[in-house]
Protein backbone atom coordinates (compact mmCIF):
# COMPACT_ATOMS: atom_id res chain seq x y z
CA MET A 1 61.29 43.21 109.41
CA LYS A 2 64.69 42.27 108.06
CA LEU A 3 63.80 43.49 104.55
CA GLN A 4 62.69 46.85 105.92
CA LYS A 5 65.96 47.26 107.87
CA THR A 6 68.06 46.48 104.76
CA THR A 7 66.07 48.96 102.68
CA THR A 8 66.52 51.65 105.34
CA ASN A 9 70.29 51.05 105.44
CA SER A 10 70.50 51.19 101.63
CA THR A 11 68.53 54.43 101.58
CA MET A 12 70.74 55.94 104.28
CA CYS A 13 73.87 54.99 102.33
CA ALA A 14 72.39 56.40 99.13
CA ILE A 15 71.84 59.73 100.89
CA ILE A 16 74.97 59.93 103.05
CA PHE A 17 77.54 58.86 100.43
CA PRO A 18 76.76 61.68 97.94
CA MET A 19 76.71 64.21 100.80
CA ILE A 20 80.17 63.11 101.95
CA LEU A 21 81.46 63.16 98.38
CA LEU A 22 80.02 66.64 97.82
CA GLY A 23 81.59 67.84 101.08
CA LEU A 24 84.98 66.52 100.03
CA LEU A 25 84.79 68.15 96.61
CA ALA A 26 83.56 71.46 98.00
CA GLY A 27 86.37 71.38 100.53
CA CYS A 28 88.87 71.18 97.69
CA ALA A 29 88.25 74.76 96.63
CA GLY A 30 91.36 76.89 96.88
CA PRO A 31 91.87 80.14 98.76
CA LYS A 32 89.77 83.14 97.79
CA ILE A 33 92.74 85.52 97.97
CA ALA A 34 95.91 85.29 95.87
CA ASP A 35 98.24 86.71 98.50
CA ASP A 36 101.21 85.27 96.59
CA LEU A 37 100.41 87.78 93.82
CA LEU A 38 99.41 90.67 96.08
CA VAL A 39 102.77 90.79 97.87
CA LYS A 40 104.48 91.50 94.53
CA VAL A 41 103.32 95.13 94.70
CA ASP A 42 106.07 97.76 94.45
CA VAL A 43 106.89 99.04 97.93
CA LEU A 44 107.43 102.75 98.50
CA ASP A 45 110.37 103.88 100.62
CA ALA A 46 108.14 106.32 102.51
CA PRO A 47 104.35 106.68 102.67
CA ILE A 48 102.72 109.22 100.33
CA VAL A 49 99.97 110.02 102.86
CA ASP A 50 100.59 110.51 106.58
CA SER A 51 97.18 109.12 107.55
CA GLY A 52 95.34 105.94 108.24
CA TYR A 53 92.71 104.45 105.96
CA ILE A 54 89.45 102.54 106.08
CA ILE A 55 88.26 100.24 103.31
CA ASN A 56 84.59 99.68 102.52
CA SER A 57 83.49 97.22 99.88
CA GLU A 58 80.11 96.45 98.44
CA ILE A 59 78.71 94.66 95.45
CA ASP A 60 75.91 95.39 93.04
CA PRO A 61 72.87 93.55 94.46
CA LYS A 62 72.16 92.07 91.00
CA ILE A 63 75.39 90.07 91.20
CA ASN A 64 75.31 86.65 92.83
CA ASN A 65 77.63 87.06 95.81
CA HIS A 66 77.65 83.56 97.30
CA GLU A 67 81.46 83.58 96.88
CA ARG A 68 81.72 86.79 98.94
CA ILE A 69 83.49 88.66 96.13
CA ASP A 70 83.19 91.98 97.95
CA SER A 71 84.96 90.51 100.99
CA SER A 72 87.73 89.11 98.77
CA VAL A 73 88.25 92.54 97.17
CA LYS A 74 88.44 94.16 100.61
CA ALA A 75 90.85 91.55 102.01
CA SER A 76 93.03 91.83 98.89
CA LEU A 77 93.09 95.63 99.23
CA VAL A 78 94.18 95.32 102.86
CA ILE A 79 97.16 93.15 101.87
CA ALA A 80 98.19 95.25 98.84
CA LEU A 81 97.89 98.64 100.57
CA LYS A 82 99.76 97.48 103.65
CA LYS A 83 102.58 96.07 101.52
CA ALA A 84 102.72 99.10 99.17
CA ASN A 85 103.28 101.53 102.08
CA ILE A 86 101.06 104.26 100.56
CA PHE A 87 99.53 105.26 103.89
CA SER A 88 101.46 105.70 107.13
CA GLY A 89 98.68 104.17 109.23
CA ASN A 90 98.78 107.20 111.53
CA SER A 91 95.05 107.59 112.27
CA SER A 92 95.68 110.54 114.60
CA ARG A 93 96.36 112.59 111.44
CA GLY A 94 92.99 111.62 109.99
CA THR A 95 91.63 108.70 108.05
CA TYR A 96 91.20 108.30 104.33
CA MET A 97 88.25 106.23 103.16
CA ILE A 98 88.48 103.89 100.19
CA ASN A 99 85.23 102.58 98.75
CA ALA A 100 85.43 99.59 96.42
CA ASN A 101 82.15 98.98 94.61
CA VAL A 102 82.05 95.75 92.60
CA GLU A 103 80.03 96.52 89.46
CA VAL A 104 80.78 93.46 87.30
CA ALA A 105 81.82 90.00 88.45
CA SER A 106 81.31 87.12 86.08
CA GLN A 107 83.14 83.90 85.47
CA ALA A 108 82.76 80.82 83.32
CA THR A 109 80.71 78.19 85.14
CA MET A 110 82.49 75.34 83.38
CA SER A 111 85.95 75.16 81.95
CA PHE A 112 88.61 72.64 81.09
CA GLY A 113 91.05 75.53 81.17
CA SER A 114 91.51 78.57 83.37
CA PHE A 115 87.92 79.75 84.12
CA GLU A 116 88.38 83.19 82.54
CA GLY A 117 86.37 85.84 84.35
CA LYS A 118 85.58 89.56 84.33
CA LEU A 119 85.79 91.96 87.25
CA GLN A 120 85.00 95.67 87.32
CA VAL A 121 85.45 97.67 90.50
CA LYS A 122 84.78 101.37 90.97
CA TYR A 123 87.22 102.76 93.53
CA THR A 124 86.50 106.08 95.23
CA VAL A 125 88.96 107.65 97.69
CA TYR A 126 88.03 110.35 100.19
CA ASP A 127 90.48 112.35 102.29
CA GLU A 128 90.23 112.94 106.03
CA ASN A 129 87.83 115.87 105.36
CA LYS A 130 85.50 113.62 103.31
CA ASN A 131 86.50 115.31 100.03
CA LYS A 132 86.60 113.03 97.00
CA VAL A 133 90.23 112.96 95.88
CA LEU A 134 90.18 110.12 93.40
CA GLU A 135 87.73 107.97 91.49
CA LYS A 136 88.76 105.18 89.14
CA THR A 137 86.94 102.25 87.59
CA ILE A 138 89.16 99.29 86.79
CA TYR A 139 88.09 96.42 84.54
CA THR A 140 90.14 93.24 84.41
CA GLU A 141 89.86 89.84 82.77
CA ALA A 142 91.87 86.93 84.08
CA GLY A 143 91.79 83.23 84.77
CA SER A 144 93.70 80.76 86.87
CA ASP A 145 97.46 80.95 86.60
CA GLU A 146 97.83 77.40 87.91
CA TRP A 147 96.30 74.14 86.77
CA PHE A 148 94.51 71.91 89.26
CA PHE A 149 92.72 68.66 88.58
CA SER A 150 89.82 69.90 90.68
CA GLY A 151 87.62 72.33 88.80
CA ALA A 152 86.61 73.92 92.11
CA LYS A 153 90.25 74.80 92.86
CA ARG A 154 90.81 76.23 89.38
CA HIS A 155 87.59 78.24 89.69
CA SER A 156 88.57 79.68 93.08
CA ARG A 157 92.11 80.44 91.93
CA ALA A 158 90.78 82.18 88.80
CA ARG A 159 88.56 84.43 90.92
CA ALA A 160 91.47 85.17 93.29
CA VAL A 161 93.87 85.95 90.41
CA ASN A 162 91.38 88.33 88.78
CA THR A 163 90.74 90.08 92.10
CA ALA A 164 94.49 90.43 92.71
CA LYS A 165 95.04 91.80 89.19
CA ASN A 166 92.29 94.40 89.71
CA VAL A 167 93.53 95.44 93.15
CA LEU A 168 97.16 95.68 92.00
CA GLU A 169 96.13 97.95 89.10
CA PHE A 170 94.26 100.17 91.55
CA THR A 171 97.19 100.24 93.98
CA GLU A 172 99.54 101.30 91.19
CA TYR A 173 97.07 103.98 90.06
CA LEU A 174 96.72 105.20 93.64
CA LYS A 175 100.51 105.52 94.05
CA ASN A 176 100.82 107.54 90.85
CA ASN A 177 97.78 109.81 91.32
CA LEU A 178 97.36 110.49 95.01
């Protein structure tokens, strides 16, 4: 009976220890949004459009989206557009719709460096009357701008940096072409 109890305890430890270790390592992943980069957008003195806006994001179903890339693009757009002051936010004047369709999202699975990745997003903007006013596809390549010992943190930061770079390019394009 004593031998069976020792074996059971050893088996439990062999299962629980790796699970705890995995949980700790997974918990080390950094934020999915690089808000420190997104707030560096040039701010307009006055809004270009006296309207509110809605952002929709989706991702090509062939792309593995376990990192919720489409949600990161949308959250990054919210931060950049709010900071840039392109829209007044006055929804009583109508609402523009911005669709962000993630077409390419790939990243190195292993790296001793910055986890370089590719991101391509097709942005389509509709005015308050549902007329297409702008369509732009932006392709960016970027990796982590910071070095972390944890590969999970570098991987997450690389994805966030690439998303921020893509969104900032779109925001600049929107300011100049709307």
